[in-house]
Amino acid sequence: MVGSPARILVIDDEVDTTNLLSLVLKRAGYKVYSASNWDGVLNWLKMCDETHETVDLVILDIMMPDRSGFDVMLVLKVVLHPVPPVIFLTAKIGMDDMVRASDLGAAKYLTKPTTPEKLLLVVREVLSRKN
């Protein structure tokens, strides 16, 4: 990667999943932030507001206990400027969920489980579209 590494926020309530995604992304040269619940998302947003830090991409689960990934995406769209692209990474395989993600403006919809190679391919694709 040329220049500074892309910054990626991973939001998933499964800590093992968050840790694995973070490891794969960091090894690929990305700077990774993570949140495992709604409070973590709020803390991250507060940190961004204070430091003017932004992210280039969000990887977001749909099924979380406090707020769904759809709810989180709606908040991110209001709070973050510019709004980074969002990749949903979820176990939900229903067409209704895929359509809702698309309607919200998701860049991609991946289902779990996925491979590190497929994840990185999609991340690179979405980031290249952004640039």
C-alpha atoms as a PDB file:
ATOM      1  CA  MET A   1       0.000   0.000   0.000  1.00  0.00           C
ATOM      2  CA  VAL A   2       1.349   3.392  -0.950  1.00  0.00           C
ATOM      3  CA  GLY A   3       1.058   6.271   1.533  1.00  0.00           C
ATOM      4  CA  SER A   4      -0.620   5.930   4.875  1.00  0.00           C
ATOM      5  CA  PRO A   5      -2.589   2.740   5.480  1.00  0.00           C
ATOM      6  CA  ALA A   6      -6.347   2.764   5.074  1.00  0.00           C
ATOM      7  CA  ARG A   7      -8.207   2.945   8.373  1.00  0.00           C
ATOM      8  CA  ILE A   8     -10.912   0.349   8.954  1.00  0.00           C
ATOM      9  CA  LEU A   9     -13.493   0.144  11.742  1.00  0.00           C
ATOM     10  CA  VAL A  10     -14.690  -3.393  12.549  1.00  0.00           C
ATOM     11  CA  ILE A  11     -17.973  -3.634  14.474  1.00  0.00           C
ATOM     12  CA  ASP A  12     -19.045  -7.106  15.609  1.00  0.00           C
ATOM     13  CA  ASP A  13     -20.351  -8.347  18.962  1.00  0.00           C
ATOM     14  CA  GLU A  14     -18.382 -11.606  18.662  1.00  0.00           C
ATOM     15  CA  VAL A  15     -14.993 -10.715  20.134  1.00  0.00           C
ATOM     16  CA  ASP A  16     -13.313 -13.709  18.466  1.00  0.00           C
ATOM     17  CA  THR A  17     -14.595 -12.524  15.080  1.00  0.00           C
ATOM     18  CA  THR A  18     -13.452  -8.970  15.742  1.00  0.00           C
ATOM     19  CA  ASN A  19     -10.009 -10.192  16.803  1.00  0.00           C
ATOM     20  CA  LEU A  20      -9.670 -12.441  13.752  1.00  0.00           C
ATOM     21  CA  LEU A  21     -10.769  -9.719  11.336  1.00  0.00           C
ATOM     22  CA  SER A  22      -8.412  -7.244  13.004  1.00  0.00           C
ATOM     23  CA  LEU A  23      -5.502  -9.676  12.719  1.00  0.00           C
ATOM     24  CA  VAL A  24      -6.155 -10.361   9.022  1.00  0.00           C
ATOM     25  CA  LEU A  25      -6.553  -6.667   8.220  1.00  0.00           C
ATOM     26  CA  LYS A  26      -3.501  -5.570  10.230  1.00  0.00           C
ATOM     27  CA  ARG A  27      -1.342  -8.215   8.551  1.00  0.00           C
ATOM     28  CA  ALA A  28      -2.515  -6.811   5.213  1.00  0.00           C
ATOM     29  CA  GLY A  29      -1.256  -3.377   6.278  1.00  0.00           C
ATOM     30  CA  TYR A  30      -4.448  -1.643   7.389  1.00  0.00           C
ATOM     31  CA  LYS A  31      -4.930   0.383  10.553  1.00  0.00           C
ATOM     32  CA  VAL A  32      -7.805  -1.218  12.437  1.00  0.00           C
ATOM     33  CA  TYR A  33     -10.194   0.073  15.081  1.00  0.00           C
ATOM     34  CA  SER A  34     -12.857  -2.118  16.620  1.00  0.00           C
ATOM     35  CA  ALA A  35     -16.064  -1.988  18.618  1.00  0.00           C
ATOM     36  CA  SER A  36     -17.975  -4.958  19.973  1.00  0.00           C
ATOM     37  CA  ASN A  37     -21.172  -3.263  21.135  1.00  0.00           C
ATOM     38  CA  TRP A  38     -23.169  -0.047  20.955  1.00  0.00           C
ATOM     39  CA  ASP A  39     -21.180   1.571  23.791  1.00  0.00           C
ATOM     40  CA  GLY A  40     -17.982   0.777  21.898  1.00  0.00           C
ATOM     41  CA  VAL A  41     -19.376   2.461  18.782  1.00  0.00           C
ATOM     42  CA  LEU A  42     -20.349   5.523  20.822  1.00  0.00           C
ATOM     43  CA  ASN A  43     -16.892   5.663  22.424  1.00  0.00           C
ATOM     44  CA  TRP A  44     -15.272   5.403  19.005  1.00  0.00           C
ATOM     45  CA  LEU A  45     -17.494   8.197  17.629  1.00  0.00           C
ATOM     46  CA  LYS A  46     -16.610  10.389  20.619  1.00  0.00           C
ATOM     47  CA  MET A  47     -12.896   9.739  20.032  1.00  0.00           C
ATOM     48  CA  CYS A  48     -13.332  10.664  16.356  1.00  0.00           C
ATOM     49  CA  ASP A  49     -15.065  13.876  17.301  1.00  0.00           C
ATOM     50  CA  GLU A  50     -12.288  14.808  19.736  1.00  0.00           C
ATOM     51  CA  THR A  51      -9.338  13.842  17.515  1.00  0.00           C
ATOM     52  CA  HIS A  52     -10.902  14.499  14.078  1.00  0.00           C
ATOM     53  CA  GLU A  53      -9.890  10.969  13.142  1.00  0.00           C
ATOM     54  CA  THR A  54     -11.842   9.307  10.359  1.00  0.00           C
ATOM     55  CA  VAL A  55     -12.020   5.856   8.825  1.00  0.00           C
ATOM     56  CA  ASP A  56     -11.928   4.815   5.195  1.00  0.00           C
ATOM     57  CA  LEU A  57     -14.145   1.749   5.594  1.00  0.00           C
ATOM     58  CA  VAL A  58     -16.493   0.089   8.091  1.00  0.00           C
ATOM     59  CA  ILE A  59     -17.013  -3.674   8.360  1.00  0.00           C
ATOM     60  CA  LEU A  60     -20.264  -4.221  10.215  1.00  0.00           C
ATOM     61  CA  ASP A  61     -22.229  -7.193  11.546  1.00  0.00           C
ATOM     62  CA  ILE A  62     -26.024  -7.051  11.440  1.00  0.00           C
ATOM     63  CA  MET A  63     -26.997  -9.144  14.473  1.00  0.00           C
ATOM     64  CA  MET A  64     -25.837  -7.388  17.612  1.00  0.00           C
ATOM     65  CA  PRO A  65     -27.518  -7.184  21.024  1.00  0.00           C
ATOM     66  CA  ASP A  66     -27.992  -3.436  21.617  1.00  0.00           C
ATOM     67  CA  ARG A  67     -28.523  -2.101  18.110  1.00  0.00           C
ATOM     68  CA  SER A  68     -28.666  -3.911  14.801  1.00  0.00           C
ATOM     69  CA  GLY A  69     -25.999  -3.231  12.211  1.00  0.00           C
ATOM     70  CA  PHE A  70     -28.682  -1.454  10.206  1.00  0.00           C
ATOM     71  CA  ASP A  71     -29.298   0.914  13.138  1.00  0.00           C
ATOM     72  CA  VAL A  72     -25.551   1.495  13.523  1.00  0.00           C
ATOM     73  CA  MET A  73     -25.219   2.286   9.823  1.00  0.00           C
ATOM     74  CA  LEU A  74     -28.024   4.852  10.043  1.00  0.00           C
ATOM     75  CA  VAL A  75     -26.210   6.579  12.922  1.00  0.00           C
ATOM     76  CA  LEU A  76     -22.881   6.519  11.074  1.00  0.00           C
ATOM     77  CA  LYS A  77     -24.551   8.116   8.047  1.00  0.00           C
ATOM     78  CA  VAL A  78     -25.747  11.009  10.212  1.00  0.00           C
ATOM     79  CA  VAL A  79     -22.609  11.507  12.310  1.00  0.00           C
ATOM     80  CA  LEU A  80     -19.678  10.843   9.974  1.00  0.00           C
ATOM     81  CA  HIS A  81     -18.728  13.249   7.217  1.00  0.00           C
ATOM     82  CA  PRO A  82     -17.757  11.949   4.796  1.00  0.00           C
ATOM     83  CA  VAL A  83     -19.592   8.675   5.323  1.00  0.00           C
ATOM     84  CA  PRO A  84     -17.197   5.767   4.748  1.00  0.00           C
ATOM     85  CA  PRO A  85     -18.302   2.792   2.690  1.00  0.00           C
ATOM     86  CA  VAL A  86     -19.789  -0.062   4.716  1.00  0.00           C
ATOM     87  CA  ILE A  87     -19.307  -3.780   4.147  1.00  0.00           C
ATOM     88  CA  PHE A  88     -21.828  -5.909   5.996  1.00  0.00           C
ATOM     89  CA  LEU A  89     -20.272  -9.173   7.192  1.00  0.00           C
ATOM     90  CA  THR A  90     -23.036 -11.282   8.669  1.00  0.00           C
ATOM     91  CA  ALA A  91     -24.502 -14.740   9.096  1.00  0.00           C
ATOM     92  CA  LYS A  92     -27.839 -13.458   7.794  1.00  0.00           C
ATOM     93  CA  ILE A  93     -28.418 -14.843   4.317  1.00  0.00           C
ATOM     94  CA  GLY A  94     -31.980 -13.658   3.702  1.00  0.00           C
ATOM     95  CA  MET A  95     -32.787 -11.632   0.610  1.00  0.00           C
ATOM     96  CA  ASP A  96     -34.694  -9.079   2.732  1.00  0.00           C
ATOM     97  CA  ASP A  97     -31.519  -8.307   4.695  1.00  0.00           C
ATOM     98  CA  MET A  98     -29.449  -8.034   1.521  1.00  0.00           C
ATOM     99  CA  VAL A  99     -31.982  -5.665  -0.024  1.00  0.00           C
ATOM    100  CA  ARG A 100     -32.168  -3.558   3.136  1.00  0.00           C
ATOM    101  CA  ALA A 101     -28.360  -3.294   3.234  1.00  0.00           C
ATOM    102  CA  SER A 102     -28.339  -2.227  -0.400  1.00  0.00           C
ATOM    103  CA  ASP A 103     -31.112   0.308   0.205  1.00  0.00           C
ATOM    104  CA  LEU A 104     -29.048   1.798   3.041  1.00  0.00           C
ATOM    105  CA  GLY A 105     -26.117   2.182   0.668  1.00  0.00           C
ATOM    106  CA  ALA A 106     -23.882  -0.695   1.734  1.00  0.00           C
ATOM    107  CA  ALA A 107     -20.881  -1.142  -0.536  1.00  0.00           C
ATOM    108  CA  LYS A 108     -20.900  -4.950  -0.186  1.00  0.00           C
ATOM    109  CA  TYR A 109     -22.678  -7.754   1.640  1.00  0.00           C
ATOM    110  CA  LEU A 110     -20.581 -10.746   2.711  1.00  0.00           C
ATOM    111  CA  THR A 111     -21.869 -13.769   4.556  1.00  0.00           C
ATOM    112  CA  LYS A 112     -20.107 -15.611   7.354  1.00  0.00           C
ATOM    113  CA  PRO A 113     -18.076 -17.642   7.294  1.00  0.00           C
ATOM    114  CA  THR A 114     -15.728 -16.127   4.761  1.00  0.00           C
ATOM    115  CA  THR A 115     -12.063 -16.600   4.043  1.00  0.00           C
ATOM    116  CA  PRO A 116      -9.327 -14.071   4.738  1.00  0.00           C
ATOM    117  CA  GLU A 117      -8.609 -13.988   1.009  1.00  0.00           C
ATOM    118  CA  LYS A 118     -12.205 -13.169   0.088  1.00  0.00           C
ATOM    119  CA  LEU A 119     -12.433 -10.554   2.827  1.00  0.00           C
ATOM    120  CA  LEU A 120      -9.261  -8.832   1.651  1.00  0.00           C
ATOM    121  CA  LEU A 121     -10.386  -8.985  -1.982  1.00  0.00           C
ATOM    122  CA  VAL A 122     -13.646  -7.236  -1.117  1.00  0.00           C
ATOM    123  CA  VAL A 123     -11.915  -4.698   1.146  1.00  0.00           C
ATOM    124  CA  ARG A 124      -9.455  -3.800  -1.633  1.00  0.00           C
ATOM    125  CA  GLU A 125     -12.262  -3.570  -4.175  1.00  0.00           C
ATOM    126  CA  VAL A 126     -14.356  -1.246  -2.014  1.00  0.00           C
ATOM    127  CA  LEU A 127     -11.372   0.935  -1.075  1.00  0.00           C
ATOM    128  CA  SER A 128     -10.308   1.219  -4.732  1.00  0.00           C
ATOM    129  CA  ARG A 129     -13.814   2.422  -5.652  1.00  0.00           C
ATOM    130  CA  LYS A 130     -13.578   5.057  -2.927  1.00  0.00           C
ATOM    131  CA  ASN A 131     -10.352   6.402  -4.401  1.00  0.00           C
END
